[in-house]
Amino acid sequence: PTLSILIVAYKSRPEIGACLDSIPGCLASGNVEIIVVDNSSGDGTAELISGSYPHVHYVAPGINLGFGAGNNHALERAT
């Protein structure tokens, strides 16, 4: 991909849809990858993303890594 969009989420179900919707469709269908690291929120973020945003790479590390480590975790998965 030309661009990797990395998002760290924690208890973000009410906001993550609007966040992902704000990324222009022309980017989502192009040479762009979107990676969301969910810092163990358990609030339904996983289900929302898998159901409504299949083009998004969802990563659940199983623990709250914090913001910085969450970004690093996403970066390690960027192609």
PDB file of N, CA and C in Angstrom:
ATOM      1  N   PRO A   1       0.812  -1.213   0.000  1.00  0.00           N
ATOM      2  CA  PRO A   1       0.000   0.000   0.000  1.00  0.00           C
ATOM      3  C   PRO A   1       0.851   1.272   0.000  1.00  0.00           C
ATOM      4  N   THR A   2       0.306   2.290  -0.580  1.00  0.00           N
ATOM      5  CA  THR A   2       0.954   3.590  -0.585  1.00  0.00           C
ATOM      6  C   THR A   2       0.784   4.291   0.751  1.00  0.00           C
ATOM      7  N   LEU A   3      -0.330   4.012   1.427  1.00  0.00           N
ATOM      8  CA  LEU A   3      -0.652   4.670   2.682  1.00  0.00           C
ATOM      9  C   LEU A   3      -1.228   3.662   3.667  1.00  0.00           C
ATOM     10  N   SER A   4      -0.737   3.699   4.910  1.00  0.00           N
ATOM     11  CA  SER A   4      -1.302   2.901   5.994  1.00  0.00           C
ATOM     12  C   SER A   4      -1.904   3.850   7.013  1.00  0.00           C
ATOM     13  N   ILE A   5      -3.183   3.664   7.304  1.00  0.00           N
ATOM     14  CA  ILE A   5      -3.868   4.466   8.317  1.00  0.00           C
ATOM     15  C   ILE A   5      -3.957   3.603   9.565  1.00  0.00           C
ATOM     16  N   LEU A   6      -3.314   4.055  10.641  1.00  0.00           N
ATOM     17  CA  LEU A   6      -3.253   3.301  11.889  1.00  0.00           C
ATOM     18  C   LEU A   6      -4.135   3.969  12.924  1.00  0.00           C
ATOM     19  N   ILE A   7      -5.045   3.201  13.518  1.00  0.00           N
ATOM     20  CA  ILE A   7      -5.973   3.735  14.514  1.00  0.00           C
ATOM     21  C   ILE A   7      -5.886   2.865  15.758  1.00  0.00           C
ATOM     22  N   VAL A   8      -5.689   3.496  16.904  1.00  0.00           N
ATOM     23  CA  VAL A   8      -5.704   2.794  18.187  1.00  0.00           C
ATOM     24  C   VAL A   8      -7.025   3.132  18.862  1.00  0.00           C
ATOM     25  N   ALA A   9      -7.767   2.091  19.230  1.00  0.00           N
ATOM     26  CA  ALA A   9      -9.093   2.286  19.808  1.00  0.00           C
ATOM     27  C   ALA A   9      -9.164   1.683  21.202  1.00  0.00           C
ATOM     28  N   TYR A  10      -9.945   2.321  22.057  1.00  0.00           N
ATOM     29  CA  TYR A  10     -10.245   1.784  23.381  1.00  0.00           C
ATOM     30  C   TYR A  10     -11.631   2.270  23.773  1.00  0.00           C
ATOM     31  N   LYS A  11     -12.536   1.330  23.939  1.00  0.00           N
ATOM     32  CA  LYS A  11     -13.930   1.664  24.243  1.00  0.00           C
ATOM     33  C   LYS A  11     -14.446   2.726  23.267  1.00  0.00           C
ATOM     34  N   SER A  12     -14.253   2.448  21.982  1.00  0.00           N
ATOM     35  CA  SER A  12     -14.529   3.429  20.930  1.00  0.00           C
ATOM     36  C   SER A  12     -15.733   3.091  20.058  1.00  0.00           C
ATOM     37  N   ARG A  13     -16.538   2.125  20.468  1.00  0.00           N
ATOM     38  CA  ARG A  13     -17.661   1.741  19.626  1.00  0.00           C
ATOM     39  C   ARG A  13     -18.535   2.926  19.222  1.00  0.00           C
ATOM     40  N   PRO A  14     -18.839   3.867  20.112  1.00  0.00           N
ATOM     41  CA  PRO A  14     -19.681   4.992  19.684  1.00  0.00           C
ATOM     42  C   PRO A  14     -19.024   5.910  18.645  1.00  0.00           C
ATOM     43  N   GLU A  15     -17.686   5.922  18.583  1.00  0.00           N
ATOM     44  CA  GLU A  15     -16.992   6.842  17.692  1.00  0.00           C
ATOM     45  C   GLU A  15     -16.326   6.185  16.484  1.00  0.00           C
ATOM     46  N   ILE A  16     -16.023   4.885  16.566  1.00  0.00           N
ATOM     47  CA  ILE A  16     -15.185   4.273  15.531  1.00  0.00           C
ATOM     48  C   ILE A  16     -15.860   4.269  14.161  1.00  0.00           C
ATOM     49  N   GLY A  17     -17.175   4.123  14.121  1.00  0.00           N
ATOM     50  CA  GLY A  17     -17.882   4.159  12.838  1.00  0.00           C
ATOM     51  C   GLY A  17     -17.707   5.496  12.142  1.00  0.00           C
ATOM     52  N   ALA A  18     -17.913   6.581  12.878  1.00  0.00           N
ATOM     53  CA  ALA A  18     -17.746   7.918  12.294  1.00  0.00           C
ATOM     54  C   ALA A  18     -16.298   8.142  11.868  1.00  0.00           C
ATOM     55  N   CYS A  19     -15.372   7.641  12.662  1.00  0.00           N
ATOM     56  CA  CYS A  19     -13.953   7.772  12.318  1.00  0.00           C
ATOM     57  C   CYS A  19     -13.671   7.070  10.989  1.00  0.00           C
ATOM     58  N   LEU A  20     -14.107   5.821  10.864  1.00  0.00           N
ATOM     59  CA  LEU A  20     -13.852   5.069   9.634  1.00  0.00           C
ATOM     60  C   LEU A  20     -14.631   5.648   8.458  1.00  0.00           C
ATOM     61  N   ASP A  21     -15.836   6.140   8.707  1.00  0.00           N
ATOM     62  CA  ASP A  21     -16.634   6.760   7.642  1.00  0.00           C
ATOM     63  C   ASP A  21     -16.011   8.060   7.142  1.00  0.00           C
ATOM     64  N   SER A  22     -15.196   8.704   7.969  1.00  0.00           N
ATOM     65  CA  SER A  22     -14.586   9.971   7.567  1.00  0.00           C
ATOM     66  C   SER A  22     -13.435   9.772   6.583  1.00  0.00           C
ATOM     67  N   ILE A  23     -12.987   8.533   6.427  1.00  0.00           N
ATOM     68  CA  ILE A  23     -11.926   8.250   5.460  1.00  0.00           C
ATOM     69  C   ILE A  23     -12.589   8.171   4.086  1.00  0.00           C
ATOM     70  N   PRO A  24     -12.172   9.033   3.163  1.00  0.00           N
ATOM     71  CA  PRO A  24     -12.844   9.067   1.857  1.00  0.00           C
ATOM     72  C   PRO A  24     -12.845   7.708   1.174  1.00  0.00           C
ATOM     73  N   GLY A  25     -13.958   7.380   0.557  1.00  0.00           N
ATOM     74  CA  GLY A  25     -14.104   6.109  -0.135  1.00  0.00           C
ATOM     75  C   GLY A  25     -13.047   5.876  -1.185  1.00  0.00           C
ATOM     76  N   CYS A  26     -12.590   6.953  -1.818  1.00  0.00           N
ATOM     77  CA  CYS A  26     -11.571   6.798  -2.849  1.00  0.00           C
ATOM     78  C   CYS A  26     -10.268   6.270  -2.252  1.00  0.00           C
ATOM     79  N   LEU A  27     -10.037   6.551  -0.965  1.00  0.00           N
ATOM     80  CA  LEU A  27      -8.850   6.007  -0.303  1.00  0.00           C
ATOM     81  C   LEU A  27      -9.066   4.555   0.071  1.00  0.00           C
ATOM     82  N   ALA A  28     -10.215   4.249   0.626  1.00  0.00           N
ATOM     83  CA  ALA A  28     -10.497   2.898   1.099  1.00  0.00           C
ATOM     84  C   ALA A  28     -10.481   1.891  -0.040  1.00  0.00           C
ATOM     85  N   SER A  29     -10.795   2.323  -1.247  1.00  0.00           N
ATOM     86  CA  SER A  29     -10.815   1.400  -2.370  1.00  0.00           C
ATOM     87  C   SER A  29      -9.510   1.417  -3.160  1.00  0.00           C
ATOM     88  N   GLY A  30      -8.573   2.262  -2.755  1.00  0.00           N
ATOM     89  CA  GLY A  30      -7.312   2.369  -3.469  1.00  0.00           C
ATOM     90  C   GLY A  30      -6.206   1.584  -2.812  1.00  0.00           C
ATOM     91  N   ASN A  31      -5.007   2.066  -2.990  1.00  0.00           N
ATOM     92  CA  ASN A  31      -3.818   1.407  -2.463  1.00  0.00           C
ATOM     93  C   ASN A  31      -3.555   1.868  -1.033  1.00  0.00           C
ATOM     94  N   VAL A  32      -4.585   1.701  -0.193  1.00  0.00           N
ATOM     95  CA  VAL A  32      -4.543   2.165   1.190  1.00  0.00           C
ATOM     96  C   VAL A  32      -4.999   1.030   2.095  1.00  0.00           C
ATOM     97  N   GLU A  33      -4.321   0.884   3.235  1.00  0.00           N
ATOM     98  CA  GLU A  33      -4.779  -0.089   4.226  1.00  0.00           C
ATOM     99  C   GLU A  33      -5.140   0.657   5.502  1.00  0.00           C
ATOM    100  N   ILE A  34      -6.164   0.162   6.166  1.00  0.00           N
ATOM    101  CA  ILE A  34      -6.612   0.736   7.429  1.00  0.00           C
ATOM    102  C   ILE A  34      -6.479  -0.348   8.486  1.00  0.00           C
ATOM    103  N   ILE A  35      -5.743  -0.049   9.552  1.00  0.00           N
ATOM    104  CA  ILE A  35      -5.514  -1.005  10.620  1.00  0.00           C
ATOM    105  C   ILE A  35      -6.024  -0.400  11.921  1.00  0.00           C
ATOM    106  N   VAL A  36      -6.909  -1.122  12.598  1.00  0.00           N
ATOM    107  CA  VAL A  36      -7.422  -0.699  13.894  1.00  0.00           C
ATOM    108  C   VAL A  36      -6.915  -1.682  14.946  1.00  0.00           C
ATOM    109  N   VAL A  37      -6.193  -1.163  15.934  1.00  0.00           N
ATOM    110  CA  VAL A  37      -5.784  -1.957  17.088  1.00  0.00           C
ATOM    111  C   VAL A  37      -6.753  -1.621  18.209  1.00  0.00           C
ATOM    112  N   ASP A  38      -7.469  -2.631  18.683  1.00  0.00           N
ATOM    113  CA  ASP A  38      -8.459  -2.447  19.733  1.00  0.00           C
ATOM    114  C   ASP A  38      -7.821  -2.833  21.068  1.00  0.00           C
ATOM    115  N   ASN A  39      -7.578  -1.855  21.893  1.00  0.00           N
ATOM    116  CA  ASN A  39      -6.908  -2.063  23.171  1.00  0.00           C
ATOM    117  C   ASN A  39      -7.837  -2.687  24.201  1.00  0.00           C
ATOM    118  N   SER A  40      -8.358  -3.859  23.868  1.00  0.00           N
ATOM    119  CA  SER A  40      -9.108  -4.673  24.823  1.00  0.00           C
ATOM    120  C   SER A  40     -10.361  -3.970  25.344  1.00  0.00           C
ATOM    121  N   SER A  41     -11.097  -3.350  24.435  1.00  0.00           N
ATOM    122  CA  SER A  41     -12.244  -2.567  24.893  1.00  0.00           C
ATOM    123  C   SER A  41     -13.430  -3.429  25.309  1.00  0.00           C
ATOM    124  N   GLY A  42     -13.700  -4.522  24.607  1.00  0.00           N
ATOM    125  CA  GLY A  42     -14.818  -5.381  24.959  1.00  0.00           C
ATOM    126  C   GLY A  42     -16.177  -4.711  24.859  1.00  0.00           C
ATOM    127  N   ASP A  43     -16.285  -3.685  24.035  1.00  0.00           N
ATOM    128  CA  ASP A  43     -17.533  -2.924  23.950  1.00  0.00           C
ATOM    129  C   ASP A  43     -18.287  -3.129  22.644  1.00  0.00           C
ATOM    130  N   GLY A  44     -17.900  -4.127  21.868  1.00  0.00           N
ATOM    131  CA  GLY A  44     -18.570  -4.379  20.601  1.00  0.00           C
ATOM    132  C   GLY A  44     -17.880  -3.766  19.403  1.00  0.00           C
ATOM    133  N   THR A  45     -16.730  -3.152  19.614  1.00  0.00           N
ATOM    134  CA  THR A  45     -15.986  -2.562  18.502  1.00  0.00           C
ATOM    135  C   THR A  45     -15.637  -3.625  17.469  1.00  0.00           C
ATOM    136  N   ALA A  46     -15.209  -4.795  17.920  1.00  0.00           N
ATOM    137  CA  ALA A  46     -14.831  -5.880  17.001  1.00  0.00           C
ATOM    138  C   ALA A  46     -15.994  -6.259  16.095  1.00  0.00           C
ATOM    139  N   GLU A  47     -17.167  -6.433  16.671  1.00  0.00           N
ATOM    140  CA  GLU A  47     -18.337  -6.825  15.895  1.00  0.00           C
ATOM    141  C   GLU A  47     -18.750  -5.733  14.897  1.00  0.00           C
ATOM    142  N   LEU A  48     -18.655  -4.498  15.325  1.00  0.00           N
ATOM    143  CA  LEU A  48     -19.000  -3.389  14.442  1.00  0.00           C
ATOM    144  C   LEU A  48     -18.068  -3.356  13.238  1.00  0.00           C
ATOM    145  N   ILE A  49     -16.787  -3.462  13.491  1.00  0.00           N
ATOM    146  CA  ILE A  49     -15.820  -3.393  12.395  1.00  0.00           C
ATOM    147  C   ILE A  49     -15.964  -4.593  11.471  1.00  0.00           C
ATOM    148  N   SER A  50     -16.058  -5.794  12.028  1.00  0.00           N
ATOM    149  CA  SER A  50     -16.159  -6.977  11.171  1.00  0.00           C
ATOM    150  C   SER A  50     -17.465  -6.985  10.369  1.00  0.00           C
ATOM    151  N   GLY A  51     -18.524  -6.453  10.939  1.00  0.00           N
ATOM    152  CA  GLY A  51     -19.809  -6.439  10.250  1.00  0.00           C
ATOM    153  C   GLY A  51     -19.970  -5.330   9.230  1.00  0.00           C
ATOM    154  N   SER A  52     -19.403  -4.167   9.511  1.00  0.00           N
ATOM    155  CA  SER A  52     -19.654  -3.004   8.651  1.00  0.00           C
ATOM    156  C   SER A  52     -18.437  -2.515   7.880  1.00  0.00           C
ATOM    157  N   TYR A  53     -17.256  -2.953   8.253  1.00  0.00           N
ATOM    158  CA  TYR A  53     -16.028  -2.452   7.627  1.00  0.00           C
ATOM    159  C   TYR A  53     -15.079  -3.608   7.304  1.00  0.00           C
ATOM    160  N   PRO A  54     -15.485  -4.507   6.398  1.00  0.00           N
ATOM    161  CA  PRO A  54     -14.664  -5.687   6.117  1.00  0.00           C
ATOM    162  C   PRO A  54     -13.305  -5.362   5.504  1.00  0.00           C
ATOM    163  N   HIS A  55     -13.143  -4.157   4.954  1.00  0.00           N
ATOM    164  CA  HIS A  55     -11.864  -3.755   4.365  1.00  0.00           C
ATOM    165  C   HIS A  55     -10.848  -3.307   5.420  1.00  0.00           C
ATOM    166  N   VAL A  56     -11.282  -3.185   6.669  1.00  0.00           N
ATOM    167  CA  VAL A  56     -10.410  -2.739   7.758  1.00  0.00           C
ATOM    168  C   VAL A  56      -9.749  -3.950   8.403  1.00  0.00           C
ATOM    169  N   HIS A  57      -8.455  -3.861   8.604  1.00  0.00           N
ATOM    170  CA  HIS A  57      -7.717  -4.918   9.314  1.00  0.00           C
ATOM    171  C   HIS A  57      -7.878  -4.658  10.811  1.00  0.00           C
ATOM    172  N   TYR A  58      -8.580  -5.537  11.475  1.00  0.00           N
ATOM    173  CA  TYR A  58      -8.845  -5.403  12.909  1.00  0.00           C
ATOM    174  C   TYR A  58      -7.862  -6.264  13.674  1.00  0.00           C
ATOM    175  N   VAL A  59      -7.199  -5.678  14.672  1.00  0.00           N
ATOM    176  CA  VAL A  59      -6.222  -6.389  15.485  1.00  0.00           C
ATOM    177  C   VAL A  59      -6.635  -6.258  16.946  1.00  0.00           C
ATOM    178  N   ALA A  60      -6.731  -7.383  17.630  1.00  0.00           N
ATOM    179  CA  ALA A  60      -7.074  -7.393  19.054  1.00  0.00           C
ATOM    180  C   ALA A  60      -5.918  -8.053  19.814  1.00  0.00           C
ATOM    181  N   PRO A  61      -5.034  -7.255  20.399  1.00  0.00           N
ATOM    182  CA  PRO A  61      -3.886  -7.839  21.080  1.00  0.00           C
ATOM    183  C   PRO A  61      -4.237  -8.592  22.363  1.00  0.00           C
ATOM    184  N   GLY A  62      -5.455  -8.429  22.883  1.00  0.00           N
ATOM    185  CA  GLY A  62      -5.874  -9.148  24.074  1.00  0.00           C
ATOM    186  C   GLY A  62      -5.593  -8.432  25.379  1.00  0.00           C
ATOM    187  N   ILE A  63      -4.802  -7.394  25.318  1.00  0.00           N
ATOM    188  CA  ILE A  63      -4.518  -6.550  26.484  1.00  0.00           C
ATOM    189  C   ILE A  63      -4.483  -5.101  26.031  1.00  0.00           C
ATOM    190  N   ASN A  64      -4.572  -4.196  26.987  1.00  0.00           N
ATOM    191  CA  ASN A  64      -4.460  -2.777  26.671  1.00  0.00           C
ATOM    192  C   ASN A  64      -2.980  -2.428  26.597  1.00  0.00           C
ATOM    193  N   LEU A  65      -2.502  -2.205  25.385  1.00  0.00           N
ATOM    194  CA  LEU A  65      -1.096  -1.887  25.166  1.00  0.00           C
ATOM    195  C   LEU A  65      -0.774  -0.425  25.452  1.00  0.00           C
ATOM    196  N   GLY A  66      -1.794   0.412  25.518  1.00  0.00           N
ATOM    197  CA  GLY A  66      -1.568   1.847  25.598  1.00  0.00           C
ATOM    198  C   GLY A  66      -1.486   2.421  24.195  1.00  0.00           C
ATOM    199  N   PHE A  67      -1.479   3.731  24.109  1.00  0.00           N
ATOM    200  CA  PHE A  67      -1.533   4.385  22.794  1.00  0.00           C
ATOM    201  C   PHE A  67      -0.261   4.170  21.986  1.00  0.00           C
ATOM    202  N   GLY A  68       0.887   4.436  22.578  1.00  0.00           N
ATOM    203  CA  GLY A  68       2.147   4.318  21.843  1.00  0.00           C
ATOM    204  C   GLY A  68       2.416   2.899  21.387  1.00  0.00           C
ATOM    205  N   ALA A  69       2.316   1.954  22.302  1.00  0.00           N
ATOM    206  CA  ALA A  69       2.556   0.549  21.954  1.00  0.00           C
ATOM    207  C   ALA A  69       1.490   0.035  20.997  1.00  0.00           C
ATOM    208  N   GLY A  70       0.274   0.550  21.117  1.00  0.00           N
ATOM    209  CA  GLY A  70      -0.783   0.178  20.177  1.00  0.00           C
ATOM    210  C   GLY A  70      -0.445   0.616  18.765  1.00  0.00           C
ATOM    211  N   ASN A  71       0.087   1.826  18.625  1.00  0.00           N
ATOM    212  CA  ASN A  71       0.532   2.305  17.313  1.00  0.00           C
ATOM    213  C   ASN A  71       1.670   1.450  16.780  1.00  0.00           C
ATOM    214  N   ASN A  72       2.618   1.111  17.636  1.00  0.00           N
ATOM    215  CA  ASN A  72       3.725   0.256  17.207  1.00  0.00           C
ATOM    216  C   ASN A  72       3.211  -1.112  16.772  1.00  0.00           C
ATOM    217  N   HIS A  73       2.233  -1.632  17.486  1.00  0.00           N
ATOM    218  CA  HIS A  73       1.630  -2.925  17.154  1.00  0.00           C
ATOM    219  C   HIS A  73       0.991  -2.862  15.767  1.00  0.00           C
ATOM    220  N   ALA A  74       0.295  -1.776  15.483  1.00  0.00           N
ATOM    221  CA  ALA A  74      -0.319  -1.592  14.159  1.00  0.00           C
ATOM    222  C   ALA A  74       0.754  -1.459  13.089  1.00  0.00           C
ATOM    223  N   LEU A  75       1.783  -0.699  13.386  1.00  0.00           N
ATOM    224  CA  LEU A  75       2.860  -0.483  12.415  1.00  0.00           C
ATOM    225  C   LEU A  75       3.540  -1.795  12.043  1.00  0.00           C
ATOM    226  N   GLU A  76       3.710  -2.687  13.014  1.00  0.00           N
ATOM    227  CA  GLU A  76       4.318  -3.987  12.736  1.00  0.00           C
ATOM    228  C   GLU A  76       3.483  -4.808  11.751  1.00  0.00           C
ATOM    229  N   ARG A  77       2.192  -4.535  11.692  1.00  0.00           N
ATOM    230  CA  ARG A  77       1.314  -5.280  10.815  1.00  0.00           C
ATOM    231  C   ARG A  77       1.096  -4.597   9.462  1.00  0.00           C
ATOM    232  N   ALA A  78       1.562  -3.380   9.344  1.00  0.00           N
ATOM    233  CA  ALA A  78       1.414  -2.641   8.088  1.00  0.00           C
ATOM    234  C   ALA A  78       2.293  -3.299   7.017  1.00  0.00           C
ATOM    235  N   THR A  79       1.757  -3.356   5.808  1.00  0.00           N
ATOM    236  CA  THR A  79       2.509  -3.974   4.718  1.00  0.00           C
ATOM    237  C   THR A  79       3.182  -2.962   3.840  1.00  0.00           C
TER     238      THR A  79
END
